Amino acid sequence: MQTWIAVLIWMTDVVVISLGLAVFEILIERQHGWGGRLNPSGWGRRLFAGTFVAEICEKSYLTVYHVFMFAFVVPGILYVQVWMFTHLGFSRPAYGYLSGASRSGLFLFLVSVWFSILVVEDALWFALNWYYPKSWEDLLQGRIWWHTRWITIGNIKLPRFYLTTPVVAVAFLILSLHVG
């Protein structure tokens, strides 16, 4: 039972946080993805261009906005959530796995959520973007300039990280469920 509650919390975190971020990014970027509408000397400033960091992220560069959101805001949201559940008296059955998890298990669980948000939020940006009606079609045809590595499956192309990152996320989730 606790494992199912943990997976339910994991799915809820991923969907709710990803949906909120995707809608927020649609509102600020409109049809110009990857910080294209952001001030290039502010939030849209390019970071790590041509570096190992950009290569790992499978992007040409990162922006100040994306580093801030995914290095500080998303972990902050996850931390506040854990703090609320552990300090506001939620009972163990209601909170399930997380209330009784070791620090290592909880950390691995949150890393899994974070990796999943990277992919789900990005996909939702394309699926929901009302300013860029052909965004989903362009994504599946490999015509999105900020994705640098693609995998072809039949007639569609997907950013490689859409397939590799979920594997990493699920590995962290499984590990979190088995750590003391």
N, C-alpha and C. Protein backbone atom coordinates (compact mmCIF):
# COMPACT_ATOMS: atom_id res chain seq x y z
N MET A 1 0.83 -1.21 0.00
CA MET A 1 0.00 0.00 0.00
C MET A 1 0.86 1.26 0.00
N GLN A 2 1.91 1.29 0.81
CA GLN A 2 2.75 2.48 0.86
C GLN A 2 3.40 2.78 -0.47
N THR A 3 3.81 1.74 -1.20
CA THR A 3 4.43 1.94 -2.50
C THR A 3 3.46 2.63 -3.45
N TRP A 4 2.20 2.22 -3.45
CA TRP A 4 1.21 2.84 -4.32
C TRP A 4 0.98 4.30 -3.94
N ILE A 5 0.99 4.59 -2.67
CA ILE A 5 0.83 5.98 -2.23
C ILE A 5 2.02 6.80 -2.69
N ALA A 6 3.22 6.23 -2.58
CA ALA A 6 4.43 6.94 -3.04
C ALA A 6 4.36 7.22 -4.53
N VAL A 7 3.94 6.24 -5.30
CA VAL A 7 3.84 6.43 -6.75
C VAL A 7 2.76 7.46 -7.08
N LEU A 8 1.66 7.45 -6.35
CA LEU A 8 0.60 8.44 -6.55
C LEU A 8 1.12 9.85 -6.23
N ILE A 9 1.85 10.00 -5.14
CA ILE A 9 2.45 11.29 -4.80
C ILE A 9 3.42 11.71 -5.89
N TRP A 10 4.23 10.77 -6.37
CA TRP A 10 5.22 11.04 -7.43
C TRP A 10 4.50 11.54 -8.68
N MET A 11 3.46 10.83 -9.11
CA MET A 11 2.74 11.23 -10.32
C MET A 11 2.07 12.59 -10.15
N THR A 12 1.49 12.82 -9.00
CA THR A 12 0.83 14.10 -8.74
C THR A 12 1.84 15.24 -8.77
N ASP A 13 2.97 15.05 -8.10
CA ASP A 13 4.03 16.07 -8.13
C ASP A 13 4.45 16.39 -9.56
N VAL A 14 4.73 15.35 -10.31
CA VAL A 14 5.23 15.54 -11.68
C VAL A 14 4.20 16.27 -12.52
N VAL A 15 2.95 15.84 -12.50
CA VAL A 15 1.92 16.44 -13.35
C VAL A 15 1.60 17.87 -12.92
N VAL A 16 1.37 18.08 -11.64
CA VAL A 16 0.95 19.41 -11.17
C VAL A 16 2.07 20.44 -11.36
N ILE A 17 3.28 20.11 -10.95
CA ILE A 17 4.39 21.06 -11.10
C ILE A 17 4.70 21.28 -12.56
N SER A 18 4.72 20.23 -13.36
CA SER A 18 5.01 20.36 -14.79
C SER A 18 3.95 21.21 -15.50
N LEU A 19 2.69 20.98 -15.17
CA LEU A 19 1.61 21.75 -15.79
C LEU A 19 1.74 23.23 -15.44
N GLY A 20 1.97 23.52 -14.18
CA GLY A 20 2.15 24.92 -13.76
C GLY A 20 3.32 25.58 -14.46
N LEU A 21 4.44 24.89 -14.54
CA LEU A 21 5.62 25.46 -15.22
C LEU A 21 5.37 25.63 -16.72
N ALA A 22 4.74 24.64 -17.33
CA ALA A 22 4.49 24.73 -18.78
C ALA A 22 3.59 25.91 -19.11
N VAL A 23 2.52 26.08 -18.37
CA VAL A 23 1.62 27.21 -18.62
C VAL A 23 2.33 28.53 -18.37
N PHE A 24 3.11 28.60 -17.30
CA PHE A 24 3.89 29.82 -17.01
C PHE A 24 4.84 30.13 -18.16
N GLU A 25 5.55 29.12 -18.65
CA GLU A 25 6.48 29.35 -19.76
C GLU A 25 5.75 29.72 -21.04
N ILE A 26 4.60 29.15 -21.30
CA ILE A 26 3.83 29.54 -22.49
C ILE A 26 3.46 31.01 -22.39
N LEU A 27 3.05 31.45 -21.22
CA LEU A 27 2.66 32.85 -21.04
C LEU A 27 3.83 33.81 -21.23
N ILE A 28 5.02 33.43 -20.81
CA ILE A 28 6.14 34.36 -20.95
C ILE A 28 6.90 34.20 -22.27
N GLU A 29 6.90 33.01 -22.86
CA GLU A 29 7.65 32.79 -24.10
C GLU A 29 6.77 32.86 -25.35
N ARG A 30 5.49 32.60 -25.18
CA ARG A 30 4.56 32.46 -26.30
C ARG A 30 5.07 31.41 -27.27
N GLN A 31 5.19 31.73 -28.55
CA GLN A 31 5.65 30.74 -29.52
C GLN A 31 7.17 30.66 -29.62
N HIS A 32 7.86 31.50 -28.89
CA HIS A 32 9.33 31.55 -28.92
C HIS A 32 9.88 30.74 -27.77
N GLY A 33 10.19 29.48 -28.01
CA GLY A 33 10.66 28.62 -26.95
C GLY A 33 12.09 28.91 -26.52
N TRP A 34 12.48 28.22 -25.49
CA TRP A 34 13.82 28.26 -24.93
C TRP A 34 14.25 29.68 -24.59
N GLY A 35 13.34 30.40 -23.97
CA GLY A 35 13.64 31.76 -23.50
C GLY A 35 13.76 32.78 -24.61
N GLY A 36 13.19 32.49 -25.78
CA GLY A 36 13.34 33.36 -26.94
C GLY A 36 12.76 34.76 -26.77
N ARG A 37 11.79 34.94 -25.89
CA ARG A 37 11.21 36.27 -25.66
C ARG A 37 11.79 36.96 -24.44
N LEU A 38 12.68 36.30 -23.75
CA LEU A 38 13.25 36.87 -22.54
C LEU A 38 14.40 37.81 -22.88
N ASN A 39 14.61 38.80 -22.06
CA ASN A 39 15.68 39.78 -22.26
C ASN A 39 17.03 39.07 -22.30
N PRO A 40 17.78 39.19 -23.42
CA PRO A 40 19.05 38.48 -23.55
C PRO A 40 20.14 38.96 -22.59
N SER A 41 19.93 40.09 -21.95
CA SER A 41 20.91 40.52 -20.95
C SER A 41 20.41 40.25 -19.53
N GLY A 42 19.24 39.62 -19.42
CA GLY A 42 18.66 39.29 -18.12
C GLY A 42 18.35 37.81 -18.05
N TRP A 43 17.04 37.50 -17.88
CA TRP A 43 16.61 36.11 -17.73
C TRP A 43 16.93 35.26 -18.96
N GLY A 44 17.01 35.87 -20.13
CA GLY A 44 17.28 35.12 -21.36
C GLY A 44 18.77 35.01 -21.68
N ARG A 45 19.63 35.51 -20.80
CA ARG A 45 21.08 35.45 -21.07
C ARG A 45 21.51 34.00 -21.22
N ARG A 46 22.36 33.78 -22.21
CA ARG A 46 22.84 32.44 -22.49
C ARG A 46 23.97 32.06 -21.54
N LEU A 47 23.85 30.86 -21.00
CA LEU A 47 24.87 30.33 -20.09
C LEU A 47 25.37 28.99 -20.62
N PHE A 48 26.59 28.67 -20.33
CA PHE A 48 27.18 27.37 -20.60
C PHE A 48 27.21 26.98 -22.08
N ALA A 49 27.15 27.95 -23.00
CA ALA A 49 27.16 27.64 -24.43
C ALA A 49 28.44 26.88 -24.78
N GLY A 50 28.27 25.76 -25.48
CA GLY A 50 29.41 24.98 -25.93
C GLY A 50 30.18 24.27 -24.83
N THR A 51 29.59 24.12 -23.67
CA THR A 51 30.28 23.47 -22.55
C THR A 51 29.73 22.08 -22.29
N PHE A 52 30.40 21.39 -21.40
CA PHE A 52 29.98 20.06 -20.98
C PHE A 52 28.57 20.11 -20.38
N VAL A 53 28.25 21.16 -19.65
CA VAL A 53 26.93 21.31 -19.03
C VAL A 53 25.85 21.35 -20.10
N ALA A 54 26.05 22.16 -21.14
CA ALA A 54 25.07 22.25 -22.24
C ALA A 54 24.96 20.91 -22.96
N GLU A 55 26.09 20.23 -23.12
CA GLU A 55 26.09 18.93 -23.79
C GLU A 55 25.28 17.90 -23.00
N ILE A 56 25.45 17.87 -21.69
CA ILE A 56 24.68 16.93 -20.85
C ILE A 56 23.19 17.23 -20.96
N CYS A 57 22.84 18.51 -20.99
CA CYS A 57 21.43 18.91 -21.09
C CYS A 57 20.88 18.78 -22.51
N GLU A 58 21.76 18.44 -23.44
CA GLU A 58 21.40 18.28 -24.85
C GLU A 58 20.78 19.56 -25.42
N LYS A 59 21.38 20.66 -25.08
CA LYS A 59 20.98 21.99 -25.57
C LYS A 59 22.23 22.71 -26.07
N SER A 60 22.03 23.74 -26.90
CA SER A 60 23.16 24.56 -27.35
C SER A 60 23.67 25.42 -26.20
N TYR A 61 22.77 25.81 -25.33
CA TYR A 61 23.09 26.63 -24.17
C TYR A 61 21.92 26.54 -23.20
N LEU A 62 22.12 27.03 -21.99
CA LEU A 62 21.05 27.17 -21.01
C LEU A 62 20.80 28.67 -20.83
N THR A 63 19.66 29.03 -20.30
CA THR A 63 19.40 30.43 -20.01
C THR A 63 19.38 30.62 -18.49
N VAL A 64 19.53 31.87 -18.07
CA VAL A 64 19.44 32.19 -16.65
C VAL A 64 18.10 31.71 -16.11
N TYR A 65 17.03 31.95 -16.87
CA TYR A 65 15.69 31.54 -16.46
C TYR A 65 15.64 30.03 -16.18
N HIS A 66 16.12 29.21 -17.12
CA HIS A 66 16.02 27.76 -16.98
C HIS A 66 16.89 27.26 -15.83
N VAL A 67 18.07 27.82 -15.65
CA VAL A 67 18.91 27.42 -14.52
C VAL A 67 18.21 27.78 -13.22
N PHE A 68 17.67 29.00 -13.14
CA PHE A 68 16.98 29.43 -11.93
C PHE A 68 15.78 28.54 -11.62
N MET A 69 14.95 28.28 -12.62
CA MET A 69 13.73 27.49 -12.40
C MET A 69 14.05 26.06 -11.98
N PHE A 70 15.01 25.43 -12.67
CA PHE A 70 15.23 24.01 -12.42
C PHE A 70 16.29 23.73 -11.35
N ALA A 71 17.10 24.72 -11.01
CA ALA A 71 18.08 24.52 -9.94
C ALA A 71 17.59 25.07 -8.60
N PHE A 72 16.64 26.04 -8.63
CA PHE A 72 16.20 26.66 -7.38
C PHE A 72 14.69 26.57 -7.15
N VAL A 73 13.88 26.96 -8.13
CA VAL A 73 12.43 27.02 -7.92
C VAL A 73 11.83 25.62 -7.75
N VAL A 74 12.09 24.71 -8.68
CA VAL A 74 11.51 23.37 -8.57
C VAL A 74 12.01 22.65 -7.31
N PRO A 75 13.32 22.64 -7.03
CA PRO A 75 13.73 22.03 -5.75
C PRO A 75 13.11 22.74 -4.54
N GLY A 76 12.93 24.05 -4.62
CA GLY A 76 12.29 24.78 -3.53
C GLY A 76 10.86 24.35 -3.32
N ILE A 77 10.12 24.18 -4.41
CA ILE A 77 8.73 23.70 -4.32
C ILE A 77 8.70 22.32 -3.66
N LEU A 78 9.59 21.44 -4.08
CA LEU A 78 9.63 20.10 -3.52
C LEU A 78 10.01 20.13 -2.04
N TYR A 79 10.95 20.98 -1.67
CA TYR A 79 11.36 21.10 -0.27
C TYR A 79 10.19 21.61 0.60
N VAL A 80 9.51 22.64 0.11
CA VAL A 80 8.37 23.19 0.88
C VAL A 80 7.30 22.12 1.05
N GLN A 81 7.05 21.35 0.02
CA GLN A 81 6.06 20.29 0.11
C GLN A 81 6.45 19.28 1.19
N VAL A 82 7.70 18.84 1.17
CA VAL A 82 8.15 17.88 2.18
C VAL A 82 8.06 18.49 3.57
N TRP A 83 8.48 19.73 3.71
CA TRP A 83 8.42 20.40 5.00
C TRP A 83 6.98 20.46 5.51
N MET A 84 6.06 20.83 4.63
CA MET A 84 4.65 20.92 5.04
C MET A 84 4.14 19.57 5.54
N PHE A 85 4.43 18.51 4.81
CA PHE A 85 3.93 17.20 5.20
C PHE A 85 4.58 16.68 6.47
N THR A 86 5.84 17.02 6.69
CA THR A 86 6.51 16.49 7.87
C THR A 86 6.32 17.36 9.11
N HIS A 87 5.97 18.64 8.94
CA HIS A 87 5.85 19.54 10.09
C HIS A 87 4.42 19.99 10.40
N LEU A 88 3.48 19.67 9.57
CA LEU A 88 2.12 20.12 9.80
C LEU A 88 1.20 19.01 10.28
N GLY A 89 1.78 17.91 10.73
CA GLY A 89 1.01 16.88 11.40
C GLY A 89 0.22 15.95 10.51
N PHE A 90 0.61 15.79 9.25
CA PHE A 90 -0.08 14.81 8.42
C PHE A 90 0.23 13.42 8.96
N SER A 91 -0.76 12.59 9.03
CA SER A 91 -0.55 11.26 9.58
C SER A 91 0.22 10.41 8.58
N ARG A 92 0.89 9.40 9.09
CA ARG A 92 1.67 8.53 8.23
C ARG A 92 0.81 7.84 7.17
N PRO A 93 -0.36 7.30 7.50
CA PRO A 93 -1.16 6.68 6.44
C PRO A 93 -1.56 7.67 5.34
N ALA A 94 -1.83 8.91 5.71
CA ALA A 94 -2.23 9.89 4.70
C ALA A 94 -1.07 10.26 3.81
N TYR A 95 0.12 10.34 4.37
CA TYR A 95 1.28 10.76 3.59
C TYR A 95 2.06 9.57 3.05
N GLY A 96 1.73 8.38 3.56
CA GLY A 96 2.29 7.16 3.02
C GLY A 96 3.79 7.06 3.16
N TYR A 97 4.41 6.63 2.13
CA TYR A 97 5.84 6.32 2.09
C TYR A 97 6.71 7.47 2.57
N LEU A 98 6.45 8.67 2.14
CA LEU A 98 7.38 9.77 2.39
C LEU A 98 7.52 10.11 3.86
N SER A 99 6.48 9.98 4.64
CA SER A 99 6.58 10.34 6.05
C SER A 99 7.49 9.38 6.81
N GLY A 100 7.64 8.16 6.32
CA GLY A 100 8.49 7.20 7.00
C GLY A 100 9.78 6.91 6.27
N ALA A 101 10.04 7.60 5.18
CA ALA A 101 11.23 7.34 4.38
C ALA A 101 12.48 7.86 5.07
N SER A 102 13.58 7.18 4.81
CA SER A 102 14.86 7.68 5.29
C SER A 102 15.21 8.94 4.50
N ARG A 103 16.17 9.69 5.00
CA ARG A 103 16.61 10.88 4.26
C ARG A 103 17.12 10.51 2.87
N SER A 104 17.83 9.41 2.77
CA SER A 104 18.35 8.97 1.47
C SER A 104 17.21 8.61 0.53
N GLY A 105 16.23 7.86 1.05
CA GLY A 105 15.08 7.48 0.23
C GLY A 105 14.30 8.69 -0.23
N LEU A 106 14.10 9.64 0.66
CA LEU A 106 13.37 10.85 0.32
C LEU A 106 14.13 11.66 -0.73
N PHE A 107 15.44 11.79 -0.56
CA PHE A 107 16.25 12.52 -1.54
C PHE A 107 16.16 11.86 -2.91
N LEU A 108 16.29 10.55 -2.97
CA LEU A 108 16.20 9.84 -4.25
C LEU A 108 14.82 10.00 -4.88
N PHE A 109 13.79 9.98 -4.05
CA PHE A 109 12.42 10.19 -4.51
C PHE A 109 12.29 11.56 -5.17
N LEU A 110 12.80 12.60 -4.51
CA LEU A 110 12.70 13.95 -5.04
C LEU A 110 13.55 14.14 -6.29
N VAL A 111 14.67 13.49 -6.37
CA VAL A 111 15.49 13.53 -7.60
C VAL A 111 14.71 12.91 -8.74
N SER A 112 14.01 11.82 -8.47
CA SER A 112 13.17 11.19 -9.49
C SER A 112 12.08 12.13 -9.98
N VAL A 113 11.42 12.80 -9.05
CA VAL A 113 10.39 13.78 -9.42
C VAL A 113 11.01 14.87 -10.28
N TRP A 114 12.16 15.38 -9.88
CA TRP A 114 12.83 16.47 -10.61
C TRP A 114 13.16 16.06 -12.04
N PHE A 115 13.75 14.88 -12.23
CA PHE A 115 14.07 14.41 -13.58
C PHE A 115 12.80 14.27 -14.42
N SER A 116 11.74 13.77 -13.83
CA SER A 116 10.48 13.60 -14.57
C SER A 116 9.89 14.92 -14.99
N ILE A 117 9.98 15.92 -14.11
CA ILE A 117 9.46 17.25 -14.43
C ILE A 117 10.17 17.83 -15.66
N LEU A 118 11.46 17.58 -15.80
CA LEU A 118 12.19 18.09 -16.96
C LEU A 118 11.54 17.69 -18.28
N VAL A 119 11.13 16.44 -18.36
CA VAL A 119 10.55 15.92 -19.60
C VAL A 119 9.07 16.29 -19.73
N VAL A 120 8.30 16.07 -18.69
CA VAL A 120 6.85 16.30 -18.76
C VAL A 120 6.56 17.78 -19.01
N GLU A 121 7.27 18.66 -18.31
CA GLU A 121 7.06 20.10 -18.51
C GLU A 121 7.36 20.50 -19.94
N ASP A 122 8.46 19.99 -20.50
CA ASP A 122 8.83 20.32 -21.87
C ASP A 122 7.77 19.82 -22.85
N ALA A 123 7.34 18.59 -22.69
CA ALA A 123 6.32 18.03 -23.58
C ALA A 123 5.00 18.80 -23.47
N LEU A 124 4.63 19.19 -22.25
CA LEU A 124 3.39 19.96 -22.07
C LEU A 124 3.48 21.34 -22.73
N TRP A 125 4.66 21.93 -22.76
CA TRP A 125 4.83 23.22 -23.43
C TRP A 125 4.40 23.09 -24.89
N PHE A 126 4.79 22.00 -25.53
CA PHE A 126 4.42 21.78 -26.93
C PHE A 126 2.95 21.38 -27.06
N ALA A 127 2.49 20.52 -26.20
CA ALA A 127 1.11 20.01 -26.30
C ALA A 127 0.07 21.08 -26.01
N LEU A 128 0.38 22.03 -25.14
CA LEU A 128 -0.61 23.01 -24.71
C LEU A 128 -0.43 24.41 -25.30
N ASN A 129 0.62 24.65 -26.03
CA ASN A 129 0.96 26.01 -26.43
C ASN A 129 -0.03 26.59 -27.44
N TRP A 130 -0.93 27.42 -26.95
CA TRP A 130 -1.96 28.03 -27.79
C TRP A 130 -1.40 29.15 -28.66
N TYR A 131 -0.21 29.63 -28.39
CA TYR A 131 0.44 30.64 -29.25
C TYR A 131 1.18 30.00 -30.42
N TYR A 132 1.42 28.72 -30.34
CA TYR A 132 2.21 28.00 -31.34
C TYR A 132 1.45 26.72 -31.68
N PRO A 133 0.36 26.84 -32.45
CA PRO A 133 -0.53 25.70 -32.69
C PRO A 133 0.15 24.49 -33.35
N LYS A 134 1.21 24.72 -34.13
CA LYS A 134 1.89 23.61 -34.78
C LYS A 134 3.07 23.09 -33.97
N SER A 135 3.17 23.50 -32.70
CA SER A 135 4.35 23.13 -31.92
C SER A 135 4.49 21.62 -31.74
N TRP A 136 3.38 20.92 -31.47
CA TRP A 136 3.46 19.47 -31.28
C TRP A 136 3.90 18.79 -32.56
N GLU A 137 3.32 19.24 -33.68
CA GLU A 137 3.70 18.68 -34.99
C GLU A 137 5.18 18.95 -35.28
N ASP A 138 5.64 20.17 -35.03
CA ASP A 138 7.04 20.50 -35.25
C ASP A 138 7.96 19.68 -34.35
N LEU A 139 7.53 19.47 -33.11
CA LEU A 139 8.32 18.65 -32.20
C LEU A 139 8.48 17.24 -32.75
N LEU A 140 7.38 16.62 -33.15
CA LEU A 140 7.41 15.23 -33.61
C LEU A 140 8.10 15.07 -34.96
N GLN A 141 8.33 16.18 -35.66
CA GLN A 141 9.06 16.14 -36.92
C GLN A 141 10.51 16.58 -36.75
N GLY A 142 10.91 16.85 -35.51
CA GLY A 142 12.30 17.20 -35.23
C GLY A 142 12.69 18.59 -35.66
N ARG A 143 11.73 19.51 -35.70
CA ARG A 143 12.00 20.87 -36.17
C ARG A 143 12.08 21.89 -35.03
N ILE A 144 12.59 21.49 -33.90
CA ILE A 144 12.72 22.40 -32.76
C ILE A 144 14.21 22.64 -32.55
N TRP A 145 14.64 23.87 -32.76
CA TRP A 145 16.07 24.17 -32.80
C TRP A 145 16.79 23.98 -31.47
N TRP A 146 16.12 24.13 -30.34
CA TRP A 146 16.83 24.05 -29.07
C TRP A 146 17.04 22.62 -28.58
N HIS A 147 16.40 21.66 -29.21
CA HIS A 147 16.71 20.25 -28.93
C HIS A 147 17.79 19.82 -29.90
N THR A 148 18.90 19.31 -29.38
CA THR A 148 20.06 19.04 -30.23
C THR A 148 20.26 17.56 -30.54
N ARG A 149 19.64 16.67 -29.82
CA ARG A 149 19.79 15.23 -30.05
C ARG A 149 18.40 14.63 -30.24
N TRP A 150 18.24 13.86 -31.32
CA TRP A 150 16.93 13.31 -31.67
C TRP A 150 17.02 11.80 -31.86
N ILE A 151 15.92 11.13 -31.59
CA ILE A 151 15.77 9.70 -31.86
C ILE A 151 14.55 9.54 -32.75
N THR A 152 14.71 8.79 -33.84
CA THR A 152 13.61 8.54 -34.75
C THR A 152 12.95 7.20 -34.41
N ILE A 153 11.64 7.25 -34.25
CA ILE A 153 10.85 6.04 -33.97
C ILE A 153 9.74 6.02 -35.01
N GLY A 154 9.87 5.15 -35.99
CA GLY A 154 8.90 5.13 -37.08
C GLY A 154 8.93 6.44 -37.85
N ASN A 155 7.79 7.13 -37.88
CA ASN A 155 7.69 8.39 -38.61
C ASN A 155 7.86 9.62 -37.73
N ILE A 156 8.17 9.42 -36.46
CA ILE A 156 8.31 10.58 -35.58
C ILE A 156 9.73 10.69 -35.04
N LYS A 157 10.07 11.91 -34.67
CA LYS A 157 11.34 12.17 -34.01
C LYS A 157 11.01 12.70 -32.62
N LEU A 158 11.80 12.27 -31.67
CA LEU A 158 11.66 12.77 -30.30
C LEU A 158 13.01 13.23 -29.81
N PRO A 159 13.02 14.28 -29.01
CA PRO A 159 14.29 14.64 -28.37
C PRO A 159 14.79 13.42 -27.58
N ARG A 160 16.06 13.13 -27.70
CA ARG A 160 16.61 11.95 -27.05
C ARG A 160 16.33 11.95 -25.55
N PHE A 161 16.38 13.14 -24.94
CA PHE A 161 16.19 13.17 -23.49
C PHE A 161 14.76 12.80 -23.08
N TYR A 162 13.79 12.80 -24.02
CA TYR A 162 12.44 12.33 -23.72
C TYR A 162 12.45 10.82 -23.43
N LEU A 163 13.44 10.12 -23.91
CA LEU A 163 13.53 8.68 -23.68
C LEU A 163 14.56 8.33 -22.61
N THR A 164 15.66 9.04 -22.56
CA THR A 164 16.71 8.70 -21.59
C THR A 164 16.39 9.21 -20.19
N THR A 165 15.87 10.41 -20.07
CA THR A 165 15.62 10.99 -18.74
C THR A 165 14.55 10.22 -17.97
N PRO A 166 13.46 9.77 -18.58
CA PRO A 166 12.50 8.95 -17.82
C PRO A 166 13.11 7.65 -17.28
N VAL A 167 14.05 7.08 -18.01
CA VAL A 167 14.72 5.87 -17.51
C VAL A 167 15.48 6.19 -16.23
N VAL A 168 16.19 7.32 -16.24
CA VAL A 168 16.92 7.75 -15.04
C VAL A 168 15.93 8.03 -13.90
N ALA A 169 14.83 8.71 -14.22
CA ALA A 169 13.83 9.04 -13.19
C ALA A 169 13.24 7.79 -12.56
N VAL A 170 12.88 6.82 -13.37
CA VAL A 170 12.29 5.58 -12.85
C VAL A 170 13.33 4.82 -12.02
N ALA A 171 14.59 4.84 -12.44
CA ALA A 171 15.64 4.18 -11.66
C ALA A 171 15.75 4.81 -10.28
N PHE A 172 15.73 6.16 -10.22
CA PHE A 172 15.77 6.84 -8.92
C PHE A 172 14.52 6.54 -8.09
N LEU A 173 13.36 6.47 -8.74
CA LEU A 173 12.12 6.16 -8.02
C LEU A 173 12.19 4.75 -7.41
N ILE A 174 12.59 3.78 -8.20
CA ILE A 174 12.69 2.41 -7.70
C ILE A 174 13.71 2.32 -6.57
N LEU A 175 14.83 2.97 -6.76
CA LEU A 175 15.85 2.98 -5.72
C LEU A 175 15.32 3.62 -4.44
N SER A 176 14.56 4.71 -4.58
CA SER A 176 14.03 5.40 -3.40
C SER A 176 13.06 4.51 -2.61
N LEU A 177 12.36 3.64 -3.30
CA LEU A 177 11.40 2.76 -2.64
C LEU A 177 12.08 1.60 -1.93
N HIS A 178 13.36 1.38 -2.24
CA HIS A 178 14.07 0.25 -1.64
C HIS A 178 15.17 0.67 -0.66
N VAL A 179 15.37 1.97 -0.50
CA VAL A 179 16.39 2.45 0.43
C VAL A 179 15.74 2.61 1.80
N GLY A 180 16.39 2.07 2.82
CA GLY A 180 15.94 2.09 4.20
C GLY A 180 15.05 3.19 4.53
